PDB file of all heavy atoms in Angstrom:
ATOM      1  N   ASP A   1      82.352  77.476  99.102  1.00  0.00           N
ATOM      2  CA  ASP A   1      81.788  77.873 100.391  1.00  0.00           C
ATOM      3  C   ASP A   1      81.454  79.361 100.354  1.00  0.00           C
ATOM      4  O   ASP A   1      82.190  80.200 100.878  1.00  0.00           O
ATOM      5  CB  ASP A   1      82.791  77.585 101.514  1.00  0.00           C
ATOM      6  CG  ASP A   1      82.154  77.677 102.904  1.00  0.00           C
ATOM      7  OD1 ASP A   1      81.075  78.282 102.999  1.00  0.00           O
ATOM      8  OD2 ASP A   1      82.748  77.163 103.868  1.00  0.00           O
ATOM      9  N   PRO A   2      80.315  79.731  99.745  1.00  0.00           N
ATOM     10  CA  PRO A   2      79.972  81.156  99.624  1.00  0.00           C
ATOM     11  C   PRO A   2      79.758  81.843 100.965  1.00  0.00           C
ATOM     12  O   PRO A   2      80.011  83.043 101.097  1.00  0.00           O
ATOM     13  CB  PRO A   2      78.693  81.148  98.786  1.00  0.00           C
ATOM     14  CG  PRO A   2      78.144  79.767  98.917  1.00  0.00           C
ATOM     15  CD  PRO A   2      79.320  78.862  99.096  1.00  0.00           C
ATOM     16  N   ALA A   3      79.282  81.102 101.964  1.00  0.00           N
ATOM     17  CA  ALA A   3      79.077  81.717 103.285  1.00  0.00           C
ATOM     18  C   ALA A   3      80.412  82.141 103.886  1.00  0.00           C
ATOM     19  O   ALA A   3      80.544  83.251 104.436  1.00  0.00           O
ATOM     20  CB  ALA A   3      78.356  80.741 104.214  1.00  0.00           C
ATOM     21  N   ALA A   4      81.419  81.266 103.802  1.00  0.00           N
ATOM     22  CA  ALA A   4      82.748  81.623 104.304  1.00  0.00           C
ATOM     23  C   ALA A   4      83.338  82.772 103.498  1.00  0.00           C
ATOM     24  O   ALA A   4      84.007  83.668 104.045  1.00  0.00           O
ATOM     25  CB  ALA A   4      83.677  80.416 104.257  1.00  0.00           C
ATOM     26  N   ALA A   5      83.083  82.759 102.186  1.00  0.00           N
ATOM     27  CA  ALA A   5      83.576  83.851 101.338  1.00  0.00           C
ATOM     28  C   ALA A   5      82.992  85.183 101.783  1.00  0.00           C
ATOM     29  O   ALA A   5      83.711  86.179 101.904  1.00  0.00           O
ATOM     30  CB  ALA A   5      83.213  83.578  99.881  1.00  0.00           C
ATOM     31  N   GLN A   6      81.684  85.211 102.056  1.00  0.00           N
ATOM     32  CA  GLN A   6      81.046  86.446 102.484  1.00  0.00           C
ATOM     33  C   GLN A   6      81.597  86.912 103.835  1.00  0.00           C
ATOM     34  O   GLN A   6      81.804  88.109 104.060  1.00  0.00           O
ATOM     35  CB  GLN A   6      79.531  86.253 102.583  1.00  0.00           C
ATOM     36  CG  GLN A   6      78.766  87.529 102.880  1.00  0.00           C
ATOM     37  CD  GLN A   6      78.917  88.549 101.768  1.00  0.00           C
ATOM     38  OE1 GLN A   6      78.453  88.338 100.649  1.00  0.00           O
ATOM     39  NE2 GLN A   6      79.577  89.669 102.059  1.00  0.00           N
ATOM     40  N   THR A   7      81.860  85.958 104.723  1.00  0.00           N
ATOM     41  CA  THR A   7      82.425  86.313 106.024  1.00  0.00           C
ATOM     42  C   THR A   7      83.781  86.984 105.862  1.00  0.00           C
ATOM     43  O   THR A   7      84.074  87.995 106.500  1.00  0.00           O
ATOM     44  CB  THR A   7      82.552  85.057 106.904  1.00  0.00           C
ATOM     45  OG1 THR A   7      81.252  84.498 107.122  1.00  0.00           O
ATOM     46  CG2 THR A   7      83.182  85.389 108.245  1.00  0.00           C
ATOM     47  N   TRP A   8      84.606  86.417 104.988  1.00  0.00           N
ATOM     48  CA  TRP A   8      85.930  86.988 104.752  1.00  0.00           C
ATOM     49  C   TRP A   8      85.831  88.391 104.131  1.00  0.00           C
ATOM     50  O   TRP A   8      86.554  89.320 104.538  1.00  0.00           O
ATOM     51  CB  TRP A   8      86.750  86.092 103.833  1.00  0.00           C
ATOM     52  CG  TRP A   8      87.530  85.033 104.546  1.00  0.00           C
ATOM     53  CD1 TRP A   8      87.296  83.687 104.542  1.00  0.00           C
ATOM     54  CD2 TRP A   8      88.678  85.227 105.378  1.00  0.00           C
ATOM     55  NE1 TRP A   8      88.223  83.035 105.319  1.00  0.00           N
ATOM     56  CE2 TRP A   8      89.082  83.953 105.846  1.00  0.00           C
ATOM     57  CE3 TRP A   8      89.401  86.345 105.782  1.00  0.00           C
ATOM     58  CZ2 TRP A   8      90.182  83.782 106.686  1.00  0.00           C
ATOM     59  CZ3 TRP A   8      90.495  86.179 106.619  1.00  0.00           C
ATOM     60  CH2 TRP A   8      90.875  84.902 107.065  1.00  0.00           C
ATOM     61  N   ILE A   9      84.950  88.559 103.149  1.00  0.00           N
ATOM     62  CA  ILE A   9      84.840  89.860 102.472  1.00  0.00           C
ATOM     63  C   ILE A   9      84.315  90.926 103.434  1.00  0.00           C
ATOM     64  O   ILE A   9      84.812  92.059 103.467  1.00  0.00           O
ATOM     65  CB  ILE A   9      83.931  89.745 101.236  1.00  0.00           C
ATOM     66  CG1 ILE A   9      84.552  88.794 100.199  1.00  0.00           C
ATOM     67  CG2 ILE A   9      83.685  91.115 100.625  1.00  0.00           C
ATOM     68  CD1 ILE A   9      85.896  89.224  99.668  1.00  0.00           C
ATOM     69  N   THR A  10      83.318  90.554 104.229  1.00  0.00           N
ATOM     70  CA  THR A  10      82.784  91.500 105.212  1.00  0.00           C
ATOM     71  C   THR A  10      83.857  91.907 106.212  1.00  0.00           C
ATOM     72  O   THR A  10      84.007  93.085 106.573  1.00  0.00           O
ATOM     73  CB  THR A  10      81.578  90.892 105.941  1.00  0.00           C
ATOM     74  OG1 THR A  10      80.575  90.553 104.981  1.00  0.00           O
ATOM     75  CG2 THR A  10      81.006  91.859 106.961  1.00  0.00           C
ATOM     76  N   ASP A  11      84.627  90.922 106.666  1.00  0.00           N
ATOM     77  CA  ASP A  11      85.703  91.203 107.612  1.00  0.00           C
ATOM     78  C   ASP A  11      86.797  92.043 106.966  1.00  0.00           C
ATOM     79  O   ASP A  11      87.378  92.936 107.602  1.00  0.00           O
ATOM     80  CB  ASP A  11      86.287  89.888 108.136  1.00  0.00           C
ATOM     81  CG  ASP A  11      87.376  90.112 109.173  1.00  0.00           C
ATOM     82  OD1 ASP A  11      87.050  90.649 110.255  1.00  0.00           O
ATOM     83  OD2 ASP A  11      88.541  89.761 108.906  1.00  0.00           O
ATOM     84  N   ALA A  12      87.087  91.778 105.682  1.00  0.00           N
ATOM     85  CA  ALA A  12      88.116  92.553 104.975  1.00  0.00           C
ATOM     86  C   ALA A  12      87.725  94.024 104.891  1.00  0.00           C
ATOM     87  O   ALA A  12      88.554  94.921 105.101  1.00  0.00           O
ATOM     88  CB  ALA A  12      88.320  91.985 103.574  1.00  0.00           C
ATOM     89  N   ARG A  13      86.446  94.259 104.620  1.00  0.00           N
ATOM     90  CA  ARG A  13      85.993  95.657 104.531  1.00  0.00           C
ATOM     91  C   ARG A  13      86.087  96.341 105.900  1.00  0.00           C
ATOM     92  O   ARG A  13      86.509  97.503 105.996  1.00  0.00           O
ATOM     93  CB  ARG A  13      84.563  95.694 104.006  1.00  0.00           C
ATOM     94  CG  ARG A  13      84.089  97.103 103.700  1.00  0.00           C
ATOM     95  CD  ARG A  13      82.707  97.100 103.073  1.00  0.00           C
ATOM     96  NE  ARG A  13      82.343  98.449 102.663  1.00  0.00           N
ATOM     97  CZ  ARG A  13      82.635  98.993 101.493  1.00  0.00           C
ATOM     98  NH1 ARG A  13      83.312  98.295 100.598  1.00  0.00           N
ATOM     99  NH2 ARG A  13      82.272 100.218 101.190  1.00  0.00           N
ATOM    100  N   ARG A  14      85.701  95.634 106.939  1.00  0.00           N
ATOM    101  CA  ARG A  14      85.769  96.205 108.288  1.00  0.00           C
ATOM    102  C   ARG A  14      87.214  96.549 108.645  1.00  0.00           C
ATOM    103  O   ARG A  14      87.491  97.627 109.189  1.00  0.00           O
ATOM    104  CB  ARG A  14      85.192  95.214 109.304  1.00  0.00           C
ATOM    105  CG  ARG A  14      85.277  95.688 110.759  1.00  0.00           C
ATOM    106  CD  ARG A  14      84.885  94.578 111.711  1.00  0.00           C
ATOM    107  NE  ARG A  14      85.761  93.422 111.633  1.00  0.00           N
ATOM    108  CZ  ARG A  14      86.967  93.365 112.201  1.00  0.00           C
ATOM    109  NH1 ARG A  14      87.433  94.404 112.879  1.00  0.00           N
ATOM    110  NH2 ARG A  14      87.710  92.275 112.087  1.00  0.00           N
ATOM    111  N   ARG A  15      88.135  95.644 108.334  1.00  0.00           N
ATOM    112  CA  ARG A  15      89.538  95.884 108.659  1.00  0.00           C
ATOM    113  C   ARG A  15      90.094  97.078 107.879  1.00  0.00           C
ATOM    114  O   ARG A  15      90.777  97.943 108.435  1.00  0.00           O
ATOM    115  CB  ARG A  15      90.372  94.629 108.348  1.00  0.00           C
ATOM    116  CG  ARG A  15      90.124  93.473 109.303  1.00  0.00           C
ATOM    117  CD  ARG A  15      90.842  92.200 108.838  1.00  0.00           C
ATOM    118  NE  ARG A  15      90.612  91.079 109.739  1.00  0.00           N
ATOM    119  CZ  ARG A  15      91.328  90.828 110.826  1.00  0.00           C
ATOM    120  NH1 ARG A  15      92.347  91.616 111.142  1.00  0.00           N
ATOM    121  NH2 ARG A  15      91.052  89.790 111.581  1.00  0.00           N
ATOM    122  N   CYS A  16      89.812  97.127 106.602  1.00  0.00           N
ATOM    123  CA  CYS A  16      90.348  98.201 105.766  1.00  0.00           C
ATOM    124  C   CYS A  16      89.787  99.558 106.176  1.00  0.00           C
ATOM    125  O   CYS A  16      90.525 100.555 106.235  1.00  0.00           O
ATOM    126  CB  CYS A  16      90.015  97.919 104.301  1.00  0.00           C
ATOM    127  SG  CYS A  16      90.521  99.228 103.166  1.00  0.00           S
ATOM    128  N   ASP A  17      88.495  99.596 106.485  1.00  0.00           N
ATOM    129  CA  ASP A  17      87.829 100.879 106.725  1.00  0.00           C
ATOM    130  C   ASP A  17      87.870 101.330 108.183  1.00  0.00           C
ATOM    131  O   ASP A  17      87.205 102.303 108.536  1.00  0.00           O
ATOM    132  CB  ASP A  17      86.367 100.792 106.263  1.00  0.00           C
ATOM    133  CG  ASP A  17      86.250 100.672 104.751  1.00  0.00           C
ATOM    134  OD1 ASP A  17      87.285 100.766 104.071  1.00  0.00           O
ATOM    135  OD2 ASP A  17      85.123 100.472 104.255  1.00  0.00           O
ATOM    136  N   ARG A  18      88.662 100.658 108.999  1.00  0.00           N
ATOM    137  CA  ARG A  18      88.672 101.042 110.415  1.00  0.00           C
ATOM    138  C   ARG A  18      89.461 102.320 110.672  1.00  0.00           C
ATOM    139  O   ARG A  18      89.430 102.858 111.783  1.00  0.00           O
ATOM    140  CB  ARG A  18      89.220  99.905 111.283  1.00  0.00           C
ATOM    141  CG  ARG A  18      90.714  99.629 111.172  1.00  0.00           C
ATOM    142  CD  ARG A  18      91.119  98.525 112.153  1.00  0.00           C
ATOM    143  NE  ARG A  18      92.536  98.258 112.177  1.00  0.00           N
ATOM    144  CZ  ARG A  18      93.126  97.269 111.538  1.00  0.00           C
ATOM    145  NH1 ARG A  18      92.394  96.448 110.790  1.00  0.00           N
ATOM    146  NH2 ARG A  18      94.436  97.087 111.626  1.00  0.00           N
ATOM    147  N   VAL A  19      90.166 102.828 109.678  1.00  0.00           N
ATOM    148  CA  VAL A  19      90.875 104.102 109.816  1.00  0.00           C
ATOM    149  C   VAL A  19      90.332 105.074 108.775  1.00  0.00           C
ATOM    150  O   VAL A  19      89.909 104.672 107.687  1.00  0.00           O
ATOM    151  CB  VAL A  19      92.401 103.940 109.644  1.00  0.00           C
ATOM    152  CG1 VAL A  19      92.995 103.184 110.810  1.00  0.00           C
ATOM    153  CG2 VAL A  19      92.729 103.257 108.329  1.00  0.00           C
ATOM    154  N   SER A  20      90.335 106.350 109.114  1.00  0.00           N
ATOM    155  CA  SER A  20      89.766 107.347 108.207  1.00  0.00           C
ATOM    156  C   SER A  20      90.657 107.601 107.000  1.00  0.00           C
ATOM    157  O   SER A  20      90.174 108.026 105.945  1.00  0.00           O
ATOM    158  CB  SER A  20      89.534 108.665 108.961  1.00  0.00           C
ATOM    159  OG  SER A  20      90.756 109.167 109.478  1.00  0.00           O
ATOM    160  N   ASP A  21      91.972 107.362 107.123  1.00  0.00           N
ATOM    161  CA  ASP A  21      92.880 107.616 106.006  1.00  0.00           C
ATOM    162  C   ASP A  21      93.238 106.324 105.270  1.00  0.00           C
ATOM    163  O   ASP A  21      94.365 106.128 104.844  1.00  0.00           O
ATOM    164  CB  ASP A  21      94.139 108.332 106.490  1.00  0.00           C
ATOM    165  CG  ASP A  21      94.889 107.553 107.572  1.00  0.00           C
ATOM    166  OD1 ASP A  21      94.403 106.479 107.976  1.00  0.00           O
ATOM    167  OD2 ASP A  21      95.958 108.018 108.008  1.00  0.00           O
ATOM    168  N   ARG A  22      92.252 105.464 105.134  1.00  0.00           N
ATOM    169  CA  ARG A  22      92.459 104.217 104.392  1.00  0.00           C
ATOM    170  C   ARG A  22      92.809 104.515 102.931  1.00  0.00           C
ATOM    171  O   ARG A  22      92.511 105.598 102.410  1.00  0.00           O
ATOM    172  CB  ARG A  22      91.189 103.369 104.438  1.00  0.00           C
ATOM    173  CG  ARG A  22      89.980 104.060 103.806  1.00  0.00           C
ATOM    174  CD  ARG A  22      88.708 103.292 104.063  1.00  0.00           C
ATOM    175  NE  ARG A  22      87.528 104.054 103.699  1.00  0.00           N
ATOM    176  CZ  ARG A  22      86.921 104.927 104.488  1.00  0.00           C
ATOM    177  NH1 ARG A  22      87.399 105.155 105.692  1.00  0.00           N
ATOM    178  NH2 ARG A  22      85.838 105.564 104.081  1.00  0.00           N
ATOM    179  N   TYR A  23      93.378 103.532 102.276  1.00  0.00           N
ATOM    180  CA  TYR A  23      93.645 103.618 100.841  1.00  0.00           C
ATOM    181  C   TYR A  23      92.326 103.347 100.124  1.00  0.00           C
ATOM    182  O   TYR A  23      91.810 102.242 100.148  1.00  0.00           O
ATOM    183  CB  TYR A  23      94.714 102.598 100.477  1.00  0.00           C
ATOM    184  CG  TYR A  23      95.171 102.605  99.045  1.00  0.00           C
ATOM    185  CD1 TYR A  23      94.879 103.645  98.165  1.00  0.00           C
ATOM    186  CD2 TYR A  23      95.934 101.542  98.547  1.00  0.00           C
ATOM    187  CE1 TYR A  23      95.313 103.635  96.860  1.00  0.00           C
ATOM    188  CE2 TYR A  23      96.386 101.516  97.241  1.00  0.00           C
ATOM    189  CZ  TYR A  23      96.070 102.567  96.400  1.00  0.00           C
ATOM    190  OH  TYR A  23      96.502 102.540  95.095  1.00  0.00           O
ATOM    191  N   VAL A  24      91.768 104.371  99.480  1.00  0.00           N
ATOM    192  CA  VAL A  24      90.408 104.251  98.951  1.00  0.00           C
ATOM    193  C   VAL A  24      90.325 103.217  97.837  1.00  0.00           C
ATOM    194  O   VAL A  24      89.280 102.596  97.632  1.00  0.00           O
ATOM    195  CB  VAL A  24      89.874 105.618  98.476  1.00  0.00           C
ATOM    196  CG1 VAL A  24      89.762 106.589  99.645  1.00  0.00           C
ATOM    197  CG2 VAL A  24      90.735 106.198  97.361  1.00  0.00           C
ATOM    198  N   TRP A  25      91.411 103.017  97.098  1.00  0.00           N
ATOM    199  CA  TRP A  25      91.379 102.008  96.030  1.00  0.00           C
ATOM    200  C   TRP A  25      91.157 100.621  96.622  1.00  0.00           C
ATOM    201  O   TRP A  25      90.360  99.835  96.097  1.00  0.00           O
ATOM    202  CB  TRP A  25      92.679 102.035  95.224  1.00  0.00           C
ATOM    203  CG  TRP A  25      92.636 101.140  94.026  1.00  0.00           C
ATOM    204  CD1 TRP A  25      92.261 101.468  92.754  1.00  0.00           C
ATOM    205  CD2 TRP A  25      92.949  99.733  93.992  1.00  0.00           C
ATOM    206  NE1 TRP A  25      92.315 100.361  91.926  1.00  0.00           N
ATOM    207  CE2 TRP A  25      92.739  99.286  92.665  1.00  0.00           C
ATOM    208  CE3 TRP A  25      93.383  98.823  94.938  1.00  0.00           C
ATOM    209  CZ2 TRP A  25      92.955  97.964  92.276  1.00  0.00           C
ATOM    210  CZ3 TRP A  25      93.591  97.499  94.549  1.00  0.00           C
ATOM    211  CH2 TRP A  25      93.386  97.075  93.245  1.00  0.00           C
ATOM    212  N   VAL A  26      91.851 100.295  97.703  1.00  0.00           N
ATOM    213  CA  VAL A  26      91.682  98.982  98.328  1.00  0.00           C
ATOM    214  C   VAL A  26      90.258  98.821  98.846  1.00  0.00           C
ATOM    215  O   VAL A  26      89.631  97.768  98.685  1.00  0.00           O
ATOM    216  CB  VAL A  26      92.708  98.775  99.460  1.00  0.00           C
ATOM    217  CG1 VAL A  26      92.408  97.499 100.236  1.00  0.00           C
ATOM    218  CG2 VAL A  26      94.123  98.719  98.893  1.00  0.00           C
ATOM    219  N   SER A  27      89.721  99.864  99.457  1.00  0.00           N
ATOM    220  CA  SER A  27      88.356  99.801  99.960  1.00  0.00           C
ATOM    221  C   SER A  27      87.371  99.523  98.827  1.00  0.00           C
ATOM    222  O   SER A  27      86.450  98.703  98.967  1.00  0.00           O
ATOM    223  CB  SER A  27      87.998 101.113 100.671  1.00  0.00           C
ATOM    224  OG  SER A  27      86.718 101.041 101.251  1.00  0.00           O
ATOM    225  N   ALA A  28      87.557 100.179  97.688  1.00  0.00           N
ATOM    226  CA  ALA A  28      86.682  99.949  96.538  1.00  0.00           C
ATOM    227  C   ALA A  28      86.886  98.554  95.948  1.00  0.00           C
ATOM    228  O   ALA A  28      85.929  97.910  95.493  1.00  0.00           O
ATOM    229  CB  ALA A  28      86.930 101.014  95.472  1.00  0.00           C
ATOM    230  N   TYR A  29      88.111  98.068  95.958  1.00  0.00           N
ATOM    231  CA  TYR A  29      88.419  96.722  95.447  1.00  0.00           C
ATOM    232  C   TYR A  29      87.671  95.664  96.265  1.00  0.00           C
ATOM    233  O   TYR A  29      87.124  94.703  95.723  1.00  0.00           O
ATOM    234  CB  TYR A  29      89.921  96.516  95.533  1.00  0.00           C
ATOM    235  CG  TYR A  29      90.491  95.393  94.700  1.00  0.00           C
ATOM    236  CD1 TYR A  29      90.055  95.148  93.410  1.00  0.00           C
ATOM    237  CD2 TYR A  29      91.517  94.592  95.210  1.00  0.00           C
ATOM    238  CE1 TYR A  29      90.609  94.132  92.643  1.00  0.00           C
ATOM    239  CE2 TYR A  29      92.088  93.584  94.455  1.00  0.00           C
ATOM    240  CZ  TYR A  29      91.625  93.356  93.171  1.00  0.00           C
ATOM    241  OH  TYR A  29      92.188  92.346  92.425  1.00  0.00           O
ATOM    242  N   ILE A  30      87.624  95.869  97.564  1.00  0.00           N
ATOM    243  CA  ILE A  30      86.881  94.947  98.431  1.00  0.00           C
ATOM    244  C   ILE A  30      85.381  95.088  98.173  1.00  0.00           C
ATOM    245  O   ILE A  30      84.651  94.093  98.121  1.00  0.00           O
ATOM    246  CB  ILE A  30      87.217  95.222  99.904  1.00  0.00           C
ATOM    247  CG1 ILE A  30      88.699  94.954 100.170  1.00  0.00           C
ATOM    248  CG2 ILE A  30      86.345  94.365 100.829  1.00  0.00           C
ATOM    249  CD1 ILE A  30      89.191  95.468 101.507  1.00  0.00           C
ATOM    250  N   ALA A  31      84.911  96.319  97.992  1.00  0.00           N
ATOM    251  CA  ALA A  31      83.486  96.537  97.721  1.00  0.00           C
ATOM    252  C   ALA A  31      83.070  95.879  96.412  1.00  0.00           C
ATOM    253  O   ALA A  31      81.947  95.361  96.293  1.00  0.00           O
ATOM    254  CB  ALA A  31      83.189  98.035  97.680  1.00  0.00           C
ATOM    255  N   LEU A  32      83.961  95.877  95.413  1.00  0.00           N
ATOM    256  CA  LEU A  32      83.650  95.194  94.150  1.00  0.00           C
ATOM    257  C   LEU A  32      83.523  93.690  94.365  1.00  0.00           C
ATOM    258  O   LEU A  32      82.630  93.044  93.809  1.00  0.00           O
ATOM    259  CB  LEU A  32      84.734  95.490  93.113  1.00  0.00           C
ATOM    260  CG  LEU A  32      84.579  94.777  91.765  1.00  0.00           C
ATOM    261  CD1 LEU A  32      83.241  95.094  91.113  1.00  0.00           C
ATOM    262  CD2 LEU A  32      85.739  95.130  90.835  1.00  0.00           C
TER     263      LEU A  32
END
């Protein structure tokens, strides 16, 4: 289900990046 996968990844990035002092490694891991 690639559509559901994309929804989850997009949401994961939004959740991680909602604070300015996020852990940059996690943000990059999601971007990969």
